[in-house]
């Protein structure tokens, strides 16, 4: 019998701890839109000492690496995704979260599908050094605020070692940059699929981000190969980039989106509403009118709820098998209950 192989990394922690399951099943993972739209992380797994300069459509970014650790990689971004999701949990409850978080490094590794070994903790420490060491200057505003001076992606970090078990780093304190923090407080985020953490290649992760940012809930979105090459931040020659995209097109395994390429035009298609292999039903669509009505309900309630998070939670119920007689009516009732029960 032939063995079916998936291009995705294995789910290293299929049995989630209660806390992790609560966070990432009920409050979807959030990614900040500013870094999704622009190449702010290197796709190289090797030490990258380049200074990146990006100018496009009025956006200017200069990224200078730490000499000792190099540029932060797109895998290092897992730290920001985890922290951002914890912050959004509090924002959705109407709270203003602090910039400094104290978290379990063990939980971070499990939630982002990383290995939980001495090597895993070592890789996490290097990621933190790169995030804290990089210097960024950009005119991109987050929550309407522009950072005039250069800034780091995280201001500082501190491991707290156990007093009972030698060298056991049980907790981690991270102080986020104002720039990233403002993007969360301003709700300038998008929900991403948990399978993102099972994408093993840097270019795959970057393509998913680009598709999520630009295709979103549209049926499809097309971009020329040279433009995609620039937006991805890839340092490969265009010829090799075309080859890499072709291989990803062959496997076509990005979460949420299909990918096609013809005559150097790359098209991302939305899988939502399509019958996916292994699913027994197609996800019904919420009408534009119901979506607008739900947005008005959330806005008038003034409880601070993230409307995108509410929509995603309802969609997860549909994906889980919920089949209401009227999807639009069920959605509006779901929104009303959410804002009514908000603390």
C-alpha atoms as a PDB file:
ATOM      1  CA  UNK A   1       0.000   0.000   0.000  1.00  0.00           C
ATOM      2  CA  UNK A   2       1.356   3.413  -0.947  1.00  0.00           C
ATOM      3  CA  UNK A   3       2.025   5.810   1.943  1.00  0.00           C
ATOM      4  CA  UNK A   4       0.457   9.237   1.572  1.00  0.00           C
ATOM      5  CA  UNK A   5       2.948  11.902   2.563  1.00  0.00           C
ATOM      6  CA  UNK A   6       2.047  15.467   3.403  1.00  0.00           C
ATOM      7  CA  UNK A   7       4.370  18.416   2.776  1.00  0.00           C
ATOM      8  CA  UNK A   8       3.332  19.790   6.170  1.00  0.00           C
ATOM      9  CA  UNK A   9       5.427  19.219   9.267  1.00  0.00           C
ATOM     10  CA  UNK A  10       3.926  16.699  11.700  1.00  0.00           C
ATOM     11  CA  UNK A  11       1.744  17.984  14.511  1.00  0.00           C
ATOM     12  CA  UNK A  12       4.370  17.537  17.221  1.00  0.00           C
ATOM     13  CA  UNK A  13       1.933  18.115  20.074  1.00  0.00           C
ATOM     14  CA  UNK A  14      -1.476  16.706  19.073  1.00  0.00           C
ATOM     15  CA  UNK A  15      -2.605  16.596  22.714  1.00  0.00           C
ATOM     16  CA  UNK A  16      -2.577  20.233  23.765  1.00  0.00           C
ATOM     17  CA  UNK A  17      -2.418  21.355  27.372  1.00  0.00           C
ATOM     18  CA  UNK A  18      -5.670  22.874  28.613  1.00  0.00           C
ATOM     19  CA  UNK A  19      -4.312  26.445  28.662  1.00  0.00           C
ATOM     20  CA  UNK A  20      -2.896  26.223  25.135  1.00  0.00           C
ATOM     21  CA  UNK A  21      -6.044  24.613  23.750  1.00  0.00           C
ATOM     22  CA  UNK A  22      -8.159  27.333  25.348  1.00  0.00           C
ATOM     23  CA  UNK A  23      -6.098  30.135  23.833  1.00  0.00           C
ATOM     24  CA  UNK A  24      -5.590  28.786  20.335  1.00  0.00           C
ATOM     25  CA  UNK A  25      -8.867  26.946  19.814  1.00  0.00           C
ATOM     26  CA  UNK A  26     -11.200  29.642  21.120  1.00  0.00           C
ATOM     27  CA  UNK A  27      -9.180  32.760  20.308  1.00  0.00           C
ATOM     28  CA  UNK A  28      -7.585  32.365  16.881  1.00  0.00           C
ATOM     29  CA  UNK A  29      -3.949  33.171  16.182  1.00  0.00           C
ATOM     30  CA  UNK A  30      -3.387  36.775  15.167  1.00  0.00           C
ATOM     31  CA  UNK A  31      -0.753  38.182  12.809  1.00  0.00           C
ATOM     32  CA  UNK A  32      -0.077  41.911  12.491  1.00  0.00           C
ATOM     33  CA  UNK A  33      -0.945  43.290   9.069  1.00  0.00           C
ATOM     34  CA  UNK A  34       2.090  45.582   8.818  1.00  0.00           C
ATOM     35  CA  UNK A  35       4.635  42.763   8.754  1.00  0.00           C
ATOM     36  CA  UNK A  36       2.322  40.529   6.699  1.00  0.00           C
ATOM     37  CA  UNK A  37       2.308  43.046   3.875  1.00  0.00           C
ATOM     38  CA  UNK A  38       6.027  43.811   3.793  1.00  0.00           C
ATOM     39  CA  UNK A  39       9.257  41.746   3.911  1.00  0.00           C
ATOM     40  CA  UNK A  40      10.502  42.377   7.457  1.00  0.00           C
ATOM     41  CA  UNK A  41      11.945  38.916   8.175  1.00  0.00           C
ATOM     42  CA  UNK A  42      14.663  36.997   6.383  1.00  0.00           C
ATOM     43  CA  UNK A  43      13.732  33.719   4.675  1.00  0.00           C
ATOM     44  CA  UNK A  44      17.213  32.328   5.263  1.00  0.00           C
ATOM     45  CA  UNK A  45      17.840  29.876   8.091  1.00  0.00           C
ATOM     46  CA  UNK A  46      21.522  30.803   8.035  1.00  0.00           C
ATOM     47  CA  UNK A  47      22.943  33.861   9.783  1.00  0.00           C
ATOM     48  CA  UNK A  48      21.917  36.816   7.604  1.00  0.00           C
ATOM     49  CA  UNK A  49      23.951  39.999   8.093  1.00  0.00           C
ATOM     50  CA  UNK A  50      22.378  41.978   5.247  1.00  0.00           C
ATOM     51  CA  UNK A  51      20.770  45.351   5.796  1.00  0.00           C
ATOM     52  CA  UNK A  52      17.388  45.317   4.075  1.00  0.00           C
ATOM     53  CA  UNK A  53      16.024  48.407   2.339  1.00  0.00           C
ATOM     54  CA  UNK A  54      12.493  48.227   0.961  1.00  0.00           C
ATOM     55  CA  UNK A  55      10.635  51.012  -0.827  1.00  0.00           C
ATOM     56  CA  UNK A  56       7.263  50.460  -2.464  1.00  0.00           C
ATOM     57  CA  UNK A  57       4.166  52.634  -2.915  1.00  0.00           C
ATOM     58  CA  UNK A  58       5.302  55.195  -0.359  1.00  0.00           C
ATOM     59  CA  UNK A  59       6.368  52.594   2.223  1.00  0.00           C
ATOM     60  CA  UNK A  60       9.966  52.804   3.425  1.00  0.00           C
ATOM     61  CA  UNK A  61      11.638  50.158   5.587  1.00  0.00           C
ATOM     62  CA  UNK A  62      15.268  49.853   6.667  1.00  0.00           C
ATOM     63  CA  UNK A  63      16.150  46.739   8.664  1.00  0.00           C
ATOM     64  CA  UNK A  64      19.616  46.452  10.237  1.00  0.00           C
ATOM     65  CA  UNK A  65      20.691  43.125  11.766  1.00  0.00           C
ATOM     66  CA  UNK A  66      22.401  42.333  15.019  1.00  0.00           C
ATOM     67  CA  UNK A  67      26.067  41.650  14.243  1.00  0.00           C
ATOM     68  CA  UNK A  68      26.163  38.690  16.623  1.00  0.00           C
ATOM     69  CA  UNK A  69      22.895  37.042  15.598  1.00  0.00           C
ATOM     70  CA  UNK A  70      21.846  38.471  12.218  1.00  0.00           C
ATOM     71  CA  UNK A  71      18.362  39.305  10.951  1.00  0.00           C
ATOM     72  CA  UNK A  72      15.287  37.752  12.578  1.00  0.00           C
ATOM     73  CA  UNK A  73      13.860  34.888  10.516  1.00  0.00           C
ATOM     74  CA  UNK A  74      10.229  34.295   9.668  1.00  0.00           C
ATOM     75  CA  UNK A  75      10.372  31.365  12.116  1.00  0.00           C
ATOM     76  CA  UNK A  76      11.410  33.798  14.869  1.00  0.00           C
ATOM     77  CA  UNK A  77       8.116  35.554  14.220  1.00  0.00           C
ATOM     78  CA  UNK A  78       6.382  32.680  16.050  1.00  0.00           C
ATOM     79  CA  UNK A  79       7.242  34.515  19.274  1.00  0.00           C
ATOM     80  CA  UNK A  80       5.310  37.599  18.144  1.00  0.00           C
ATOM     81  CA  UNK A  81       2.365  35.503  16.941  1.00  0.00           C
ATOM     82  CA  UNK A  82       2.107  33.814  20.335  1.00  0.00           C
ATOM     83  CA  UNK A  83       2.437  37.053  22.303  1.00  0.00           C
ATOM     84  CA  UNK A  84       0.046  38.872  19.982  1.00  0.00           C
ATOM     85  CA  UNK A  85      -2.597  36.188  20.474  1.00  0.00           C
ATOM     86  CA  UNK A  86      -2.311  36.482  24.264  1.00  0.00           C
ATOM     87  CA  UNK A  87      -2.677  40.254  24.018  1.00  0.00           C
ATOM     88  CA  UNK A  88      -5.736  39.945  21.770  1.00  0.00           C
ATOM     89  CA  UNK A  89      -7.369  37.695  24.354  1.00  0.00           C
ATOM     90  CA  UNK A  90      -7.282  40.609  26.788  1.00  0.00           C
ATOM     91  CA  UNK A  91      -8.240  43.209  24.188  1.00  0.00           C
ATOM     92  CA  UNK A  92     -11.299  41.129  23.279  1.00  0.00           C
ATOM     93  CA  UNK A  93     -12.286  41.225  26.952  1.00  0.00           C
ATOM     94  CA  UNK A  94     -12.203  45.015  26.901  1.00  0.00           C
ATOM     95  CA  UNK A  95      -8.912  45.231  28.798  1.00  0.00           C
ATOM     96  CA  UNK A  96      -5.743  47.152  27.995  1.00  0.00           C
ATOM     97  CA  UNK A  97      -2.928  44.584  28.283  1.00  0.00           C
ATOM     98  CA  UNK A  98       0.584  45.443  29.477  1.00  0.00           C
ATOM     99  CA  UNK A  99       3.543  45.623  27.090  1.00  0.00           C
ATOM    100  CA  UNK A 100       5.491  43.174  29.248  1.00  0.00           C
ATOM    101  CA  UNK A 101       4.253  39.595  29.293  1.00  0.00           C
ATOM    102  CA  UNK A 102       5.332  36.783  31.594  1.00  0.00           C
ATOM    103  CA  UNK A 103       4.723  33.512  29.783  1.00  0.00           C
ATOM    104  CA  UNK A 104       5.721  29.866  29.899  1.00  0.00           C
ATOM    105  CA  UNK A 105       8.460  29.173  27.366  1.00  0.00           C
ATOM    106  CA  UNK A 106       7.254  25.550  27.354  1.00  0.00           C
ATOM    107  CA  UNK A 107       3.748  26.640  26.343  1.00  0.00           C
ATOM    108  CA  UNK A 108       5.156  28.888  23.619  1.00  0.00           C
ATOM    109  CA  UNK A 109       7.095  25.986  22.112  1.00  0.00           C
ATOM    110  CA  UNK A 110       4.081  23.675  22.194  1.00  0.00           C
ATOM    111  CA  UNK A 111       1.643  26.226  20.796  1.00  0.00           C
ATOM    112  CA  UNK A 112       3.929  26.990  17.837  1.00  0.00           C
ATOM    113  CA  UNK A 113       4.664  23.323  17.057  1.00  0.00           C
ATOM    114  CA  UNK A 114       8.333  23.523  18.057  1.00  0.00           C
ATOM    115  CA  UNK A 115      10.440  20.790  19.609  1.00  0.00           C
ATOM    116  CA  UNK A 116      10.544  20.730  23.415  1.00  0.00           C
ATOM    117  CA  UNK A 117      14.147  19.755  24.052  1.00  0.00           C
ATOM    118  CA  UNK A 118      17.329  21.506  25.088  1.00  0.00           C
ATOM    119  CA  UNK A 119      17.830  22.290  21.415  1.00  0.00           C
ATOM    120  CA  UNK A 120      14.340  23.766  21.190  1.00  0.00           C
ATOM    121  CA  UNK A 121      14.964  26.095  24.119  1.00  0.00           C
ATOM    122  CA  UNK A 122      18.335  27.056  22.633  1.00  0.00           C
ATOM    123  CA  UNK A 123      16.742  27.944  19.294  1.00  0.00           C
ATOM    124  CA  UNK A 124      14.118  30.009  21.123  1.00  0.00           C
ATOM    125  CA  UNK A 125      16.826  31.977  22.922  1.00  0.00           C
ATOM    126  CA  UNK A 126      18.582  32.758  19.629  1.00  0.00           C
ATOM    127  CA  UNK A 127      15.271  33.869  18.126  1.00  0.00           C
ATOM    128  CA  UNK A 128      14.767  36.260  21.030  1.00  0.00           C
ATOM    129  CA  UNK A 129      18.255  37.689  20.552  1.00  0.00           C
ATOM    130  CA  UNK A 130      17.529  38.352  16.858  1.00  0.00           C
ATOM    131  CA  UNK A 131      14.163  39.980  17.602  1.00  0.00           C
ATOM    132  CA  UNK A 132      15.713  42.167  20.301  1.00  0.00           C
ATOM    133  CA  UNK A 133      18.851  42.953  18.306  1.00  0.00           C
ATOM    134  CA  UNK A 134      17.382  43.995  14.957  1.00  0.00           C
ATOM    135  CA  UNK A 135      16.975  47.738  14.372  1.00  0.00           C
ATOM    136  CA  UNK A 136      14.040  48.847  12.221  1.00  0.00           C
ATOM    137  CA  UNK A 137      13.206  52.245  10.800  1.00  0.00           C
ATOM    138  CA  UNK A 138       9.968  52.637   8.854  1.00  0.00           C
ATOM    139  CA  UNK A 139       7.199  55.096   8.046  1.00  0.00           C
ATOM    140  CA  UNK A 140       4.533  52.390   8.540  1.00  0.00           C
ATOM    141  CA  UNK A 141       2.113  53.531  11.229  1.00  0.00           C
ATOM    142  CA  UNK A 142       0.544  51.138  13.712  1.00  0.00           C
ATOM    143  CA  UNK A 143      -2.673  52.293  15.409  1.00  0.00           C
ATOM    144  CA  UNK A 144      -2.121  55.647  13.692  1.00  0.00           C
ATOM    145  CA  UNK A 145       1.248  56.159  15.400  1.00  0.00           C
ATOM    146  CA  UNK A 146       4.535  56.489  13.526  1.00  0.00           C
ATOM    147  CA  UNK A 147       7.804  55.429  15.142  1.00  0.00           C
ATOM    148  CA  UNK A 148      10.243  58.199  14.226  1.00  0.00           C
ATOM    149  CA  UNK A 149      13.349  56.624  15.741  1.00  0.00           C
ATOM    150  CA  UNK A 150      14.667  53.122  15.096  1.00  0.00           C
ATOM    151  CA  UNK A 151      13.149  50.354  17.212  1.00  0.00           C
ATOM    152  CA  UNK A 152      13.546  46.661  17.972  1.00  0.00           C
ATOM    153  CA  UNK A 153      10.770  44.098  17.512  1.00  0.00           C
ATOM    154  CA  UNK A 154      11.006  43.268  21.215  1.00  0.00           C
ATOM    155  CA  UNK A 155      12.565  45.690  23.673  1.00  0.00           C
ATOM    156  CA  UNK A 156      13.889  43.072  26.080  1.00  0.00           C
ATOM    157  CA  UNK A 157      13.516  39.509  27.306  1.00  0.00           C
ATOM    158  CA  UNK A 158      14.419  37.681  30.474  1.00  0.00           C
ATOM    159  CA  UNK A 159      14.359  33.968  31.314  1.00  0.00           C
ATOM    160  CA  UNK A 160      13.368  33.080  34.861  1.00  0.00           C
ATOM    161  CA  UNK A 161      15.130  29.925  36.008  1.00  0.00           C
ATOM    162  CA  UNK A 162      13.640  27.475  38.499  1.00  0.00           C
ATOM    163  CA  UNK A 163      15.129  27.524  41.985  1.00  0.00           C
ATOM    164  CA  UNK A 164      14.328  23.819  42.308  1.00  0.00           C
ATOM    165  CA  UNK A 165      15.623  22.391  39.031  1.00  0.00           C
ATOM    166  CA  UNK A 166      19.025  23.645  37.854  1.00  0.00           C
ATOM    167  CA  UNK A 167      19.014  25.378  34.460  1.00  0.00           C
ATOM    168  CA  UNK A 168      15.236  24.828  34.096  1.00  0.00           C
ATOM    169  CA  UNK A 169      13.852  27.965  32.443  1.00  0.00           C
ATOM    170  CA  UNK A 170      10.260  27.845  33.537  1.00  0.00           C
ATOM    171  CA  UNK A 171       9.160  31.377  32.630  1.00  0.00           C
ATOM    172  CA  UNK A 172       9.984  34.066  30.138  1.00  0.00           C
ATOM    173  CA  UNK A 173       9.388  37.796  30.397  1.00  0.00           C
ATOM    174  CA  UNK A 174       9.129  39.707  27.105  1.00  0.00           C
ATOM    175  CA  UNK A 175       8.670  43.435  26.662  1.00  0.00           C
ATOM    176  CA  UNK A 176       7.241  44.171  23.218  1.00  0.00           C
ATOM    177  CA  UNK A 177       8.137  47.167  21.071  1.00  0.00           C
ATOM    178  CA  UNK A 178       5.698  50.083  20.934  1.00  0.00           C
ATOM    179  CA  UNK A 179       5.363  49.520  17.188  1.00  0.00           C
ATOM    180  CA  UNK A 180       4.195  45.905  17.473  1.00  0.00           C
ATOM    181  CA  UNK A 181       2.183  46.565  20.637  1.00  0.00           C
ATOM    182  CA  UNK A 182       0.294  49.418  18.952  1.00  0.00           C
ATOM    183  CA  UNK A 183      -0.682  47.142  16.058  1.00  0.00           C
ATOM    184  CA  UNK A 184      -2.340  44.758  18.515  1.00  0.00           C
ATOM    185  CA  UNK A 185      -4.058  47.455  20.571  1.00  0.00           C
ATOM    186  CA  UNK A 186      -5.273  49.022  17.315  1.00  0.00           C
ATOM    187  CA  UNK A 187      -6.638  45.621  16.219  1.00  0.00           C
ATOM    188  CA  UNK A 188      -4.594  45.836  13.013  1.00  0.00           C
ATOM    189  CA  UNK A 189      -4.394  42.077  12.840  1.00  0.00           C
ATOM    190  CA  UNK A 190      -5.672  39.131  10.832  1.00  0.00           C
ATOM    191  CA  UNK A 191      -6.454  35.612  11.971  1.00  0.00           C
ATOM    192  CA  UNK A 192      -4.211  32.897  10.557  1.00  0.00           C
ATOM    193  CA  UNK A 193      -4.636  29.138  10.302  1.00  0.00           C
ATOM    194  CA  UNK A 194      -2.938  27.062  13.065  1.00  0.00           C
ATOM    195  CA  UNK A 195      -1.475  24.900  10.281  1.00  0.00           C
ATOM    196  CA  UNK A 196       0.794  27.861   9.522  1.00  0.00           C
ATOM    197  CA  UNK A 197       3.097  26.451  12.222  1.00  0.00           C
ATOM    198  CA  UNK A 198       3.340  23.198  10.253  1.00  0.00           C
ATOM    199  CA  UNK A 199       4.749  24.901   7.168  1.00  0.00           C
ATOM    200  CA  UNK A 200       8.385  23.850   7.234  1.00  0.00           C
ATOM    201  CA  UNK A 201       9.811  26.143   4.565  1.00  0.00           C
ATOM    202  CA  UNK A 202      10.291  29.861   5.036  1.00  0.00           C
ATOM    203  CA  UNK A 203       8.939  30.730   1.576  1.00  0.00           C
ATOM    204  CA  UNK A 204       5.761  28.731   2.247  1.00  0.00           C
ATOM    205  CA  UNK A 205       5.120  30.741   5.406  1.00  0.00           C
ATOM    206  CA  UNK A 206       5.754  34.008   3.606  1.00  0.00           C
ATOM    207  CA  UNK A 207       3.439  33.054   0.725  1.00  0.00           C
ATOM    208  CA  UNK A 208       0.687  32.164   3.168  1.00  0.00           C
ATOM    209  CA  UNK A 209       1.054  35.560   4.870  1.00  0.00           C
ATOM    210  CA  UNK A 210       0.881  37.367   1.548  1.00  0.00           C
ATOM    211  CA  UNK A 211      -2.178  35.376   0.467  1.00  0.00           C
ATOM    212  CA  UNK A 212      -3.908  35.971   3.800  1.00  0.00           C
ATOM    213  CA  UNK A 213      -3.192  39.700   3.649  1.00  0.00           C
ATOM    214  CA  UNK A 214      -4.048  40.360  -0.008  1.00  0.00           C
ATOM    215  CA  UNK A 215      -6.469  37.598  -1.001  1.00  0.00           C
ATOM    216  CA  UNK A 216      -8.221  37.430   2.364  1.00  0.00           C
ATOM    217  CA  UNK A 217     -11.825  36.336   1.885  1.00  0.00           C
ATOM    218  CA  UNK A 218     -11.879  37.210  -1.835  1.00  0.00           C
ATOM    219  CA  UNK A 219     -12.417  34.381  -4.291  1.00  0.00           C
ATOM    220  CA  UNK A 220      -8.925  34.887  -5.730  1.00  0.00           C
ATOM    221  CA  UNK A 221      -6.056  37.355  -6.024  1.00  0.00           C
ATOM    222  CA  UNK A 222      -3.380  37.497  -8.711  1.00  0.00           C
ATOM    223  CA  UNK A 223       0.089  39.029  -8.684  1.00  0.00           C
ATOM    224  CA  UNK A 224       2.957  39.035 -11.161  1.00  0.00           C
ATOM    225  CA  UNK A 225       5.894  36.811 -10.324  1.00  0.00           C
ATOM    226  CA  UNK A 226       8.408  39.735 -10.141  1.00  0.00           C
ATOM    227  CA  UNK A 227       6.140  41.627  -7.726  1.00  0.00           C
ATOM    228  CA  UNK A 228       5.628  38.517  -5.602  1.00  0.00           C
ATOM    229  CA  UNK A 229       9.391  37.995  -5.611  1.00  0.00           C
ATOM    230  CA  UNK A 230       9.862  41.510  -4.232  1.00  0.00           C
ATOM    231  CA  UNK A 231       7.079  41.250  -1.645  1.00  0.00           C
ATOM    232  CA  UNK A 232       8.348  37.907  -0.381  1.00  0.00           C
ATOM    233  CA  UNK A 233      11.783  39.218   0.503  1.00  0.00           C
ATOM    234  CA  UNK A 234      13.426  36.270  -1.245  1.00  0.00           C
ATOM    235  CA  UNK A 235      17.100  36.752  -2.138  1.00  0.00           C
ATOM    236  CA  UNK A 236      17.020  34.026  -4.797  1.00  0.00           C
ATOM    237  CA  UNK A 237      17.379  35.073  -8.451  1.00  0.00           C
ATOM    238  CA  UNK A 238      14.024  35.346 -10.205  1.00  0.00           C
ATOM    239  CA  UNK A 239      14.762  32.159 -12.181  1.00  0.00           C
ATOM    240  CA  UNK A 240      15.229  30.136  -8.980  1.00  0.00           C
ATOM    241  CA  UNK A 241      12.254  31.854  -7.340  1.00  0.00           C
ATOM    242  CA  UNK A 242      10.099  30.746 -10.283  1.00  0.00           C
ATOM    243  CA  UNK A 243      11.328  27.175  -9.730  1.00  0.00           C
ATOM    244  CA  UNK A 244      10.520  27.275  -5.998  1.00  0.00           C
ATOM    245  CA  UNK A 245       7.038  28.653  -6.658  1.00  0.00           C
ATOM    246  CA  UNK A 246       6.504  25.902  -9.219  1.00  0.00           C
ATOM    247  CA  UNK A 247       7.293  23.229  -6.620  1.00  0.00           C
ATOM    248  CA  UNK A 248       4.828  24.779  -4.156  1.00  0.00           C
ATOM    249  CA  UNK A 249       2.211  24.939  -6.923  1.00  0.00           C
ATOM    250  CA  UNK A 250       2.724  21.195  -7.505  1.00  0.00           C
ATOM    251  CA  UNK A 251       2.080  20.259  -3.881  1.00  0.00           C
ATOM    252  CA  UNK A 252      -0.559  23.021  -3.440  1.00  0.00           C
ATOM    253  CA  UNK A 253      -0.673  22.542   0.316  1.00  0.00           C
ATOM    254  CA  UNK A 254      -0.906  26.086   1.725  1.00  0.00           C
ATOM    255  CA  UNK A 255      -3.625  26.317   4.393  1.00  0.00           C
ATOM    256  CA  UNK A 256      -6.760  28.205   3.311  1.00  0.00           C
ATOM    257  CA  UNK A 257      -5.474  29.049  -0.184  1.00  0.00           C
ATOM    258  CA  UNK A 258      -4.720  27.323  -3.459  1.00  0.00           C
ATOM    259  CA  UNK A 259      -1.878  28.577  -5.626  1.00  0.00           C
ATOM    260  CA  UNK A 260      -1.480  28.491  -9.415  1.00  0.00           C
ATOM    261  CA  UNK A 261       1.041  29.995 -11.830  1.00  0.00           C
ATOM    262  CA  UNK A 262       0.675  30.639 -15.548  1.00  0.00           C
ATOM    263  CA  UNK A 263       2.916  32.846 -17.689  1.00  0.00           C
ATOM    264  CA  UNK A 264       4.527  34.359 -14.582  1.00  0.00           C
ATOM    265  CA  UNK A 265       1.153  35.282 -13.105  1.00  0.00           C
ATOM    266  CA  UNK A 266       0.572  33.744  -9.671  1.00  0.00           C
ATOM    267  CA  UNK A 267      -3.023  33.347  -8.502  1.00  0.00           C
ATOM    268  CA  UNK A 268      -4.098  32.536  -4.950  1.00  0.00           C
ATOM    269  CA  UNK A 269      -7.577  31.062  -4.579  1.00  0.00           C
ATOM    270  CA  UNK A 270      -9.675  30.930  -1.421  1.00  0.00           C
ATOM    271  CA  UNK A 271     -10.475  27.407  -0.261  1.00  0.00           C
ATOM    272  CA  UNK A 272     -13.366  28.616   1.932  1.00  0.00           C
ATOM    273  CA  UNK A 273     -16.694  27.217   0.813  1.00  0.00           C
ATOM    274  CA  UNK A 274     -15.008  24.576  -1.320  1.00  0.00           C
ATOM    275  CA  UNK A 275     -15.293  20.896  -0.572  1.00  0.00           C
ATOM    276  CA  UNK A 276     -11.896  19.894   0.760  1.00  0.00           C
ATOM    277  CA  UNK A 277     -10.744  16.291   0.772  1.00  0.00           C
ATOM    278  CA  UNK A 278     -11.617  14.786   4.138  1.00  0.00           C
ATOM    279  CA  UNK A 279     -14.502  17.215   4.829  1.00  0.00           C
ATOM    280  CA  UNK A 280     -18.078  15.947   4.611  1.00  0.00           C
ATOM    281  CA  UNK A 281     -19.648  19.325   3.889  1.00  0.00           C
ATOM    282  CA  UNK A 282     -18.986  22.683   2.353  1.00  0.00           C
ATOM    283  CA  UNK A 283     -18.919  25.707   4.610  1.00  0.00           C
ATOM    284  CA  UNK A 284     -22.012  27.874   3.928  1.00  0.00           C
ATOM    285  CA  UNK A 285     -21.446  31.535   3.152  1.00  0.00           C
ATOM    286  CA  UNK A 286     -22.597  34.390   5.352  1.00  0.00           C
ATOM    287  CA  UNK A 287     -24.311  37.054   3.246  1.00  0.00           C
ATOM    288  CA  UNK A 288     -22.674  40.507   2.914  1.00  0.00           C
ATOM    289  CA  UNK A 289     -25.772  42.026   4.504  1.00  0.00           C
ATOM    290  CA  UNK A 290     -25.431  39.811   7.589  1.00  0.00           C
ATOM    291  CA  UNK A 291     -21.725  40.643   7.843  1.00  0.00           C
ATOM    292  CA  UNK A 292     -22.497  44.372   7.759  1.00  0.00           C
ATOM    293  CA  UNK A 293     -25.310  43.975  10.297  1.00  0.00           C
ATOM    294  CA  UNK A 294     -22.996  42.057  12.632  1.00  0.00           C
ATOM    295  CA  UNK A 295     -20.365  44.786  12.380  1.00  0.00           C
ATOM    296  CA  UNK A 296     -22.961  47.426  13.352  1.00  0.00           C
ATOM    297  CA  UNK A 297     -24.037  45.348  16.374  1.00  0.00           C
ATOM    298  CA  UNK A 298     -20.448  45.049  17.605  1.00  0.00           C
ATOM    299  CA  UNK A 299     -19.716  48.726  17.006  1.00  0.00           C
ATOM    300  CA  UNK A 300     -22.870  49.941  18.778  1.00  0.00           C
ATOM    301  CA  UNK A 301     -22.255  47.598  21.728  1.00  0.00           C
ATOM    302  CA  UNK A 302     -18.942  49.381  22.371  1.00  0.00           C
ATOM    303  CA  UNK A 303     -17.514  46.421  24.290  1.00  0.00           C
ATOM    304  CA  UNK A 304     -14.167  46.339  22.501  1.00  0.00           C
ATOM    305  CA  UNK A 305     -14.723  43.015  20.790  1.00  0.00           C
ATOM    306  CA  UNK A 306     -12.603  42.202  17.725  1.00  0.00           C
ATOM    307  CA  UNK A 307     -15.260  41.603  15.058  1.00  0.00           C
ATOM    308  CA  UNK A 308     -12.888  39.487  12.956  1.00  0.00           C
ATOM    309  CA  UNK A 309     -12.371  37.208  15.959  1.00  0.00           C
ATOM    310  CA  UNK A 310     -16.134  36.760  16.364  1.00  0.00           C
ATOM    311  CA  UNK A 311     -16.515  35.870  12.679  1.00  0.00           C
ATOM    312  CA  UNK A 312     -13.648  33.397  12.874  1.00  0.00           C
ATOM    313  CA  UNK A 313     -15.122  31.720  15.971  1.00  0.00           C
ATOM    314  CA  UNK A 314     -18.458  31.275  14.192  1.00  0.00           C
ATOM    315  CA  UNK A 315     -16.669  29.876  11.118  1.00  0.00           C
ATOM    316  CA  UNK A 316     -14.862  27.361  13.336  1.00  0.00           C
ATOM    317  CA  UNK A 317     -18.266  26.119  14.517  1.00  0.00           C
ATOM    318  CA  UNK A 318     -19.332  25.649  10.897  1.00  0.00           C
ATOM    319  CA  UNK A 319     -16.113  23.780  10.171  1.00  0.00           C
ATOM    320  CA  UNK A 320     -16.795  21.631  13.235  1.00  0.00           C
ATOM    321  CA  UNK A 321     -20.101  20.450  11.803  1.00  0.00           C
ATOM    322  CA  UNK A 322     -22.631  23.071  12.926  1.00  0.00           C
ATOM    323  CA  UNK A 323     -25.332  23.240  10.222  1.00  0.00           C
ATOM    324  CA  UNK A 324     -27.994  25.840  11.106  1.00  0.00           C
ATOM    325  CA  UNK A 325     -31.215  26.188   9.124  1.00  0.00           C
ATOM    326  CA  UNK A 326     -30.308  29.814   8.447  1.00  0.00           C
ATOM    327  CA  UNK A 327     -26.596  30.561   8.553  1.00  0.00           C
ATOM    328  CA  UNK A 328     -27.247  34.319   8.490  1.00  0.00           C
ATOM    329  CA  UNK A 329     -29.727  34.179  11.384  1.00  0.00           C
ATOM    330  CA  UNK A 330     -27.431  31.924  13.382  1.00  0.00           C
ATOM    331  CA  UNK A 331     -24.527  34.271  12.786  1.00  0.00           C
ATOM    332  CA  UNK A 332     -26.427  37.371  13.964  1.00  0.00           C
ATOM    333  CA  UNK A 333     -27.580  35.507  17.114  1.00  0.00           C
ATOM    334  CA  UNK A 334     -24.000  34.402  17.726  1.00  0.00           C
ATOM    335  CA  UNK A 335     -22.773  38.012  17.476  1.00  0.00           C
ATOM    336  CA  UNK A 336     -25.504  39.254  19.851  1.00  0.00           C
ATOM    337  CA  UNK A 337     -24.635  36.628  22.459  1.00  0.00           C
ATOM    338  CA  UNK A 338     -20.938  37.439  22.198  1.00  0.00           C
ATOM    339  CA  UNK A 339     -21.330  41.160  22.836  1.00  0.00           C
ATOM    340  CA  UNK A 340     -23.955  40.526  25.546  1.00  0.00           C
ATOM    341  CA  UNK A 341     -21.623  38.209  27.473  1.00  0.00           C
ATOM    342  CA  UNK A 342     -18.527  40.358  27.059  1.00  0.00           C
ATOM    343  CA  UNK A 343     -17.159  41.318  30.548  1.00  0.00           C
END
